[in-house]
Amino acid sequence: MKRGLVFASGYVVGVAWELGVLRGLQDVNADLLALVIAADVVVGTSAGSTVAAQITTGTALDTLYAAQLSEESAEIEVDVDLGALTARFAKIAETGASATDIRRRIGALALATQTTVDEPTYRASRAARLPVQTWPARDVRLVAVDTESGEPTVFTRDSGIALVDAVAASSDFPGVWPPLTIGEHRYMDGALRSPTNADLAAGCDRVLVLTPSAADPRGLFGSLEDEIKLLEPADVRVVFADAASLAAFGTNPLSPSARTPAAEAGRTLGRTRAADLEWFAK
């Protein structure tokens, strides 16, 4: 039995909510939580890349969850109109160009945007999320996109880059943060391939997906439903954000102040879904 665990994109609130869901599972069934965290394949995208790195590098979940409830945070408060920004991406996608060309055009926009945060400051904020900054001896797959080529990249411990760089590249939302430089390339958010990238867990028999969004998040190039079909014959279950979670995220999912309500809503949902997710252990 090969198990896969997928953490989707979702900004700052996504990190808090996904950790909250895991903490809720732990409240009800600690053995189940241990099996989930020990999944054979762990895929992380954007916010999910942080959670994937955190839970596979040995830090106790209690510690990670408590950090989301703390008033102290290295997260950076930014004032960005995400609605307008994502509308610009959608406008580019309407051109009918290939997925790679659309990503390349979004990459050009990212490279041309003067953000309020410089690259070292952004990278430091991602480093502060990781109590342990060395790759685990696990199959962890973190997704980013090359801004110039538009091609997705899946970073692993064999990629020859620092874990912090992989996490920072994967969660580098264009137009909000400066593209991250790794060698001769600059990278942006892996959600530009897909908000979930669940298909990267191919070969697993059971796959659990956590996504801080309403049912079936649709990215620019497809949907989670499409990816689940690609995983067949795997048995896939998804934890979507419920109405209480969506309300807890507030109006600015990038705000550090939204972490606590998002984490608590995730924890409540995790408790609710624990019995259903015992399937993962069978």
Protein backbone atom coordinates (compact mmCIF):
# COMPACT_ATOMS: atom_id res chain seq x y z
CA MET A 1 0.00 0.00 0.00
CA LYS A 2 1.52 3.31 -1.14
CA ARG A 3 0.02 6.47 0.31
CA GLY A 4 0.18 10.04 -0.98
CA LEU A 5 -0.49 13.31 0.84
CA VAL A 6 -1.14 16.54 -1.08
CA PHE A 7 -1.10 20.06 0.38
CA ALA A 8 -2.62 22.67 -1.93
CA SER A 9 -2.00 26.38 -2.37
CA GLY A 10 -3.79 28.94 -0.24
CA TYR A 11 -1.68 31.93 0.86
CA VAL A 12 -0.93 32.58 4.54
CA VAL A 13 -4.31 31.29 5.67
CA GLY A 14 -3.68 28.08 3.77
CA VAL A 15 -0.64 27.23 5.88
CA ALA A 16 -2.60 27.82 9.08
CA TRP A 17 -5.69 25.93 7.91
CA GLU A 18 -3.82 22.86 6.66
CA LEU A 19 -1.90 22.59 9.93
CA GLY A 20 -5.21 23.04 11.74
CA VAL A 21 -6.81 20.16 9.86
CA LEU A 22 -3.91 17.91 10.83
CA ARG A 23 -4.18 19.07 14.44
CA GLY A 24 -7.89 18.22 14.44
CA LEU A 25 -7.10 14.71 13.19
CA GLN A 26 -4.60 14.37 16.01
CA ASP A 27 -7.26 15.38 18.55
CA VAL A 28 -9.44 12.45 17.50
CA ASN A 29 -6.98 9.81 16.33
CA ALA A 30 -3.27 10.33 16.96
CA ASP A 31 -2.39 7.05 15.26
CA LEU A 32 -4.16 8.15 12.09
CA LEU A 33 -2.35 11.49 12.15
CA ALA A 34 1.00 9.70 12.46
CA LEU A 35 0.18 7.56 9.43
CA VAL A 36 -0.92 10.58 7.40
CA ILE A 37 2.28 12.47 8.16
CA ALA A 38 4.33 9.37 7.28
CA ALA A 39 2.84 9.19 3.75
CA ASP A 40 5.15 7.71 1.13
CA VAL A 41 4.78 10.70 -1.22
CA VAL A 42 4.15 14.29 -0.04
CA VAL A 43 3.30 16.96 -2.62
CA GLY A 44 3.28 20.65 -1.73
CA THR A 45 2.25 23.70 -3.73
CA SER A 46 2.65 27.31 -2.60
CA ALA A 47 1.29 27.44 0.98
CA GLY A 48 1.24 23.67 0.84
CA SER A 49 4.98 23.58 0.18
CA THR A 50 5.54 25.15 3.59
CA VAL A 51 3.32 22.58 5.31
CA ALA A 52 4.89 19.69 3.38
CA ALA A 53 8.36 20.82 4.45
CA GLN A 54 7.31 21.46 8.05
CA ILE A 55 5.67 18.13 8.75
CA THR A 56 8.33 15.98 7.07
CA THR A 57 11.35 17.50 8.81
CA GLY A 58 10.62 16.36 12.34
CA THR A 59 9.05 19.35 14.10
CA ALA A 60 6.14 18.36 16.36
CA LEU A 61 2.73 19.26 14.99
CA ASP A 62 1.82 20.86 18.34
CA THR A 63 4.72 23.29 17.87
CA LEU A 64 3.78 24.10 14.29
CA TYR A 65 0.14 24.64 15.19
CA ALA A 66 0.97 26.79 18.22
CA ALA A 67 3.04 29.08 15.99
CA GLN A 68 -0.10 29.85 13.99
CA LEU A 69 -1.84 31.03 17.16
CA SER A 70 1.01 33.29 18.24
CA GLU A 71 0.76 37.05 17.79
CA GLU A 72 4.43 37.06 16.90
CA SER A 73 5.13 36.17 13.29
CA ALA A 74 7.73 36.66 10.57
CA GLU A 75 4.95 36.83 7.99
CA ILE A 76 4.93 40.08 6.03
CA GLU A 77 1.81 42.22 5.91
CA VAL A 78 1.20 43.35 2.32
CA ASP A 79 -1.58 45.41 0.80
CA VAL A 80 -2.36 43.84 -2.56
CA ASP A 81 -5.59 43.66 -4.55
CA LEU A 82 -5.57 39.92 -5.17
CA GLY A 83 -8.83 40.10 -7.08
CA ALA A 84 -7.40 42.55 -9.60
CA LEU A 85 -4.19 40.58 -9.86
CA THR A 86 -5.86 37.23 -10.51
CA ALA A 87 -8.17 38.96 -13.02
CA ARG A 88 -5.07 40.02 -14.95
CA PHE A 89 -3.88 36.42 -14.99
CA ALA A 90 -7.28 35.26 -16.21
CA LYS A 91 -7.18 37.88 -18.98
CA ILE A 92 -3.83 36.52 -20.14
CA ALA A 93 -5.27 33.00 -20.07
CA GLU A 94 -8.15 34.10 -22.32
CA THR A 95 -5.75 34.63 -25.22
CA GLY A 96 -6.01 30.98 -26.13
CA ALA A 97 -2.26 30.51 -25.99
CA SER A 98 -0.67 27.31 -24.69
CA ALA A 99 -0.37 26.78 -20.94
CA THR A 100 3.40 27.25 -21.17
CA ASP A 101 3.05 30.54 -23.06
CA ILE A 102 0.44 31.83 -20.60
CA ARG A 103 2.76 31.06 -17.70
CA ARG A 104 5.60 32.74 -19.56
CA ARG A 105 3.51 35.90 -19.98
CA ILE A 106 2.58 35.86 -16.31
CA GLY A 107 6.26 35.37 -15.54
CA ALA A 108 7.09 38.46 -17.59
CA LEU A 109 4.51 40.39 -15.57
CA ALA A 110 6.08 39.12 -12.35
CA LEU A 111 9.57 40.13 -13.46
CA ALA A 112 8.35 43.60 -14.43
CA THR A 113 6.38 44.26 -11.22
CA GLN A 114 8.05 46.41 -8.58
CA THR A 115 7.02 44.74 -5.33
CA THR A 116 7.20 46.40 -1.92
CA VAL A 117 9.39 43.57 -0.58
CA ASP A 118 12.86 42.73 -1.88
CA GLU A 119 14.01 39.20 -2.63
CA PRO A 120 16.22 38.64 0.46
CA THR A 121 13.43 39.82 2.76
CA TYR A 122 10.94 37.55 1.07
CA ARG A 123 13.25 34.54 1.28
CA ALA A 124 13.91 35.25 4.98
CA SER A 125 10.16 35.20 5.66
CA ARG A 126 9.95 31.72 4.16
CA ALA A 127 13.03 30.55 6.05
CA ALA A 128 11.38 31.70 9.29
CA ARG A 129 8.52 29.28 8.61
CA LEU A 130 10.85 26.28 8.72
CA PRO A 131 12.19 25.20 12.13
CA VAL A 132 14.30 22.62 10.26
CA GLN A 133 15.81 23.74 6.96
CA THR A 134 17.38 20.57 5.60
CA TRP A 135 15.61 18.22 3.21
CA PRO A 136 14.08 15.17 4.90
CA ALA A 137 14.99 11.66 3.77
CA ARG A 138 11.49 11.45 2.29
CA ASP A 139 9.84 11.70 -1.11
CA VAL A 140 8.76 15.33 -0.87
CA ARG A 141 7.81 17.11 -4.10
CA LEU A 142 7.51 20.91 -4.17
CA VAL A 143 6.23 22.63 -7.31
CA ALA A 144 7.37 25.96 -8.79
CA VAL A 145 7.34 27.57 -12.26
CA ASP A 146 10.25 29.12 -14.16
CA THR A 147 9.27 32.72 -14.97
CA GLU A 148 11.13 32.88 -18.30
CA SER A 149 10.37 29.48 -19.80
CA GLY A 150 6.94 29.02 -18.22
CA GLU A 151 7.88 25.43 -17.46
CA PRO A 152 6.93 23.82 -14.12
CA THR A 153 9.67 22.40 -11.92
CA VAL A 154 9.27 19.79 -9.21
CA PHE A 155 11.95 20.23 -6.56
CA THR A 156 13.03 17.24 -4.46
CA ARG A 157 15.94 16.49 -2.15
CA ASP A 158 17.85 15.39 -5.28
CA SER A 159 17.46 18.75 -7.03
CA GLY A 160 20.61 20.19 -5.45
CA ILE A 161 18.98 23.29 -3.96
CA ALA A 162 18.20 24.32 -0.39
CA LEU A 163 14.85 23.36 1.07
CA VAL A 164 14.21 27.03 1.90
CA ASP A 165 14.71 27.96 -1.76
CA ALA A 166 12.32 25.25 -2.91
CA VAL A 167 9.64 26.43 -0.48
CA ALA A 168 10.19 30.10 -1.32
CA ALA A 169 10.05 29.44 -5.07
CA SER A 170 6.89 27.35 -4.77
CA SER A 171 5.06 30.02 -2.75
CA ASP A 172 6.24 33.05 -4.75
CA PHE A 173 2.94 34.54 -5.91
CA PRO A 174 3.63 36.77 -8.94
CA GLY A 175 2.89 40.44 -8.46
CA VAL A 176 3.02 40.09 -4.67
CA TRP A 177 6.55 38.78 -4.10
CA PRO A 178 9.69 39.19 -6.23
CA PRO A 179 10.53 36.09 -8.30
CA LEU A 180 13.09 33.95 -6.47
CA THR A 181 16.54 33.54 -7.98
CA ILE A 182 18.03 30.04 -7.92
CA GLY A 183 21.18 29.77 -9.98
CA GLU A 184 20.46 31.26 -13.40
CA HIS A 185 16.70 30.95 -13.10
CA ARG A 186 13.94 32.91 -11.40
CA TYR A 187 10.87 31.14 -10.12
CA MET A 188 7.27 31.88 -9.22
CA ASP A 189 4.34 30.12 -7.58
CA GLY A 190 3.70 26.45 -8.36
CA ALA A 191 -0.04 27.18 -8.31
CA LEU A 192 0.43 28.46 -11.86
CA ARG A 193 0.71 24.82 -12.88
CA SER A 194 -2.19 23.86 -10.61
CA PRO A 195 -3.51 24.93 -7.19
CA THR A 196 -3.18 21.32 -6.04
CA ASN A 197 -0.83 19.40 -8.39
CA ALA A 198 -2.43 16.23 -7.04
CA ASP A 199 -1.50 14.32 -10.19
CA LEU A 200 2.12 14.36 -8.98
CA ALA A 201 1.11 11.69 -6.46
CA ALA A 202 0.66 9.24 -9.35
CA GLY A 203 1.50 5.66 -8.42
CA CYS A 204 -0.01 5.88 -4.95
CA ASP A 205 -2.90 3.63 -3.97
CA ARG A 206 -4.53 6.11 -1.60
CA VAL A 207 -4.20 9.88 -1.84
CA LEU A 208 -5.40 12.48 0.66
CA VAL A 209 -5.68 16.06 -0.58
CA LEU A 210 -6.04 19.10 1.69
CA THR A 211 -7.14 22.24 -0.13
CA PRO A 212 -8.22 25.48 1.60
CA SER A 213 -10.83 26.25 -1.03
CA ALA A 214 -14.40 25.43 -1.91
CA ALA A 215 -15.14 22.22 -3.80
CA ASP A 216 -12.99 21.50 -6.85
CA PRO A 217 -10.67 24.52 -7.12
CA ARG A 218 -10.12 25.37 -10.78
CA GLY A 219 -6.83 26.87 -11.81
CA LEU A 220 -5.97 28.45 -15.15
CA PHE A 221 -5.32 25.09 -16.79
CA GLY A 222 -7.67 22.53 -15.30
CA SER A 223 -9.22 21.32 -12.09
CA LEU A 224 -8.68 18.95 -9.21
CA GLU A 225 -11.29 16.69 -10.74
CA ASP A 226 -9.10 16.36 -13.82
CA GLU A 227 -6.11 15.47 -11.66
CA ILE A 228 -8.06 12.85 -9.71
CA LYS A 229 -8.91 11.15 -12.99
CA LEU A 230 -5.20 11.03 -13.80
CA LEU A 231 -4.59 9.28 -10.47
CA GLU A 232 -6.90 6.37 -11.29
CA PRO A 233 -7.16 3.68 -10.02
CA ALA A 234 -6.03 5.37 -6.79
CA ASP A 235 -8.61 5.94 -4.06
CA VAL A 236 -8.58 9.72 -3.53
CA ARG A 237 -10.32 11.75 -0.83
CA VAL A 238 -10.30 15.50 -0.46
CA VAL A 239 -10.74 17.78 2.52
CA PHE A 240 -12.15 21.05 1.18
CA ALA A 241 -12.62 24.18 3.24
CA ASP A 242 -16.13 24.33 4.67
CA ALA A 243 -18.21 27.49 5.02
CA ALA A 244 -16.84 28.23 8.50
CA SER A 245 -13.28 27.93 7.23
CA LEU A 246 -13.92 30.21 4.25
CA ALA A 247 -15.43 32.79 6.60
CA ALA A 248 -12.44 32.50 8.92
CA PHE A 249 -10.04 33.34 6.08
CA GLY A 250 -11.44 36.87 5.99
CA THR A 251 -11.00 39.36 3.17
CA ASN A 252 -7.20 39.22 2.95
CA PRO A 253 -5.79 35.68 2.88
CA LEU A 254 -2.25 37.12 2.94
CA SER A 255 -2.72 38.83 6.30
CA PRO A 256 -0.85 37.35 9.30
CA SER A 257 -3.82 38.34 11.47
CA ALA A 258 -5.95 35.72 9.68
CA ARG A 259 -3.72 32.83 10.76
CA THR A 260 -5.36 32.10 14.11
CA PRO A 261 -8.99 31.96 12.92
CA ALA A 262 -7.92 29.90 9.89
CA ALA A 263 -5.99 27.43 12.07
CA GLU A 264 -8.86 27.06 14.53
CA ALA A 265 -11.41 26.52 11.75
CA GLY A 266 -9.13 23.90 10.21
CA ARG A 267 -8.80 22.14 13.55
CA THR A 268 -12.57 21.97 13.97
CA LEU A 269 -12.96 20.57 10.46
CA GLY A 270 -10.18 18.05 11.05
CA ARG A 271 -12.04 16.68 14.06
CA THR A 272 -15.21 16.43 12.00
CA ARG A 273 -13.52 14.56 9.14
CA ALA A 274 -11.37 12.24 11.27
CA ALA A 275 -13.73 9.26 11.17
CA ASP A 276 -14.11 9.50 7.40
CA LEU A 277 -10.35 9.68 6.90
CA GLU A 278 -9.67 6.45 8.79
CA TRP A 279 -9.88 4.98 5.28
CA PHE A 280 -6.28 6.18 4.82
CA ALA A 281 -5.07 3.63 7.35
CA LYS A 282 -6.81 0.62 5.82
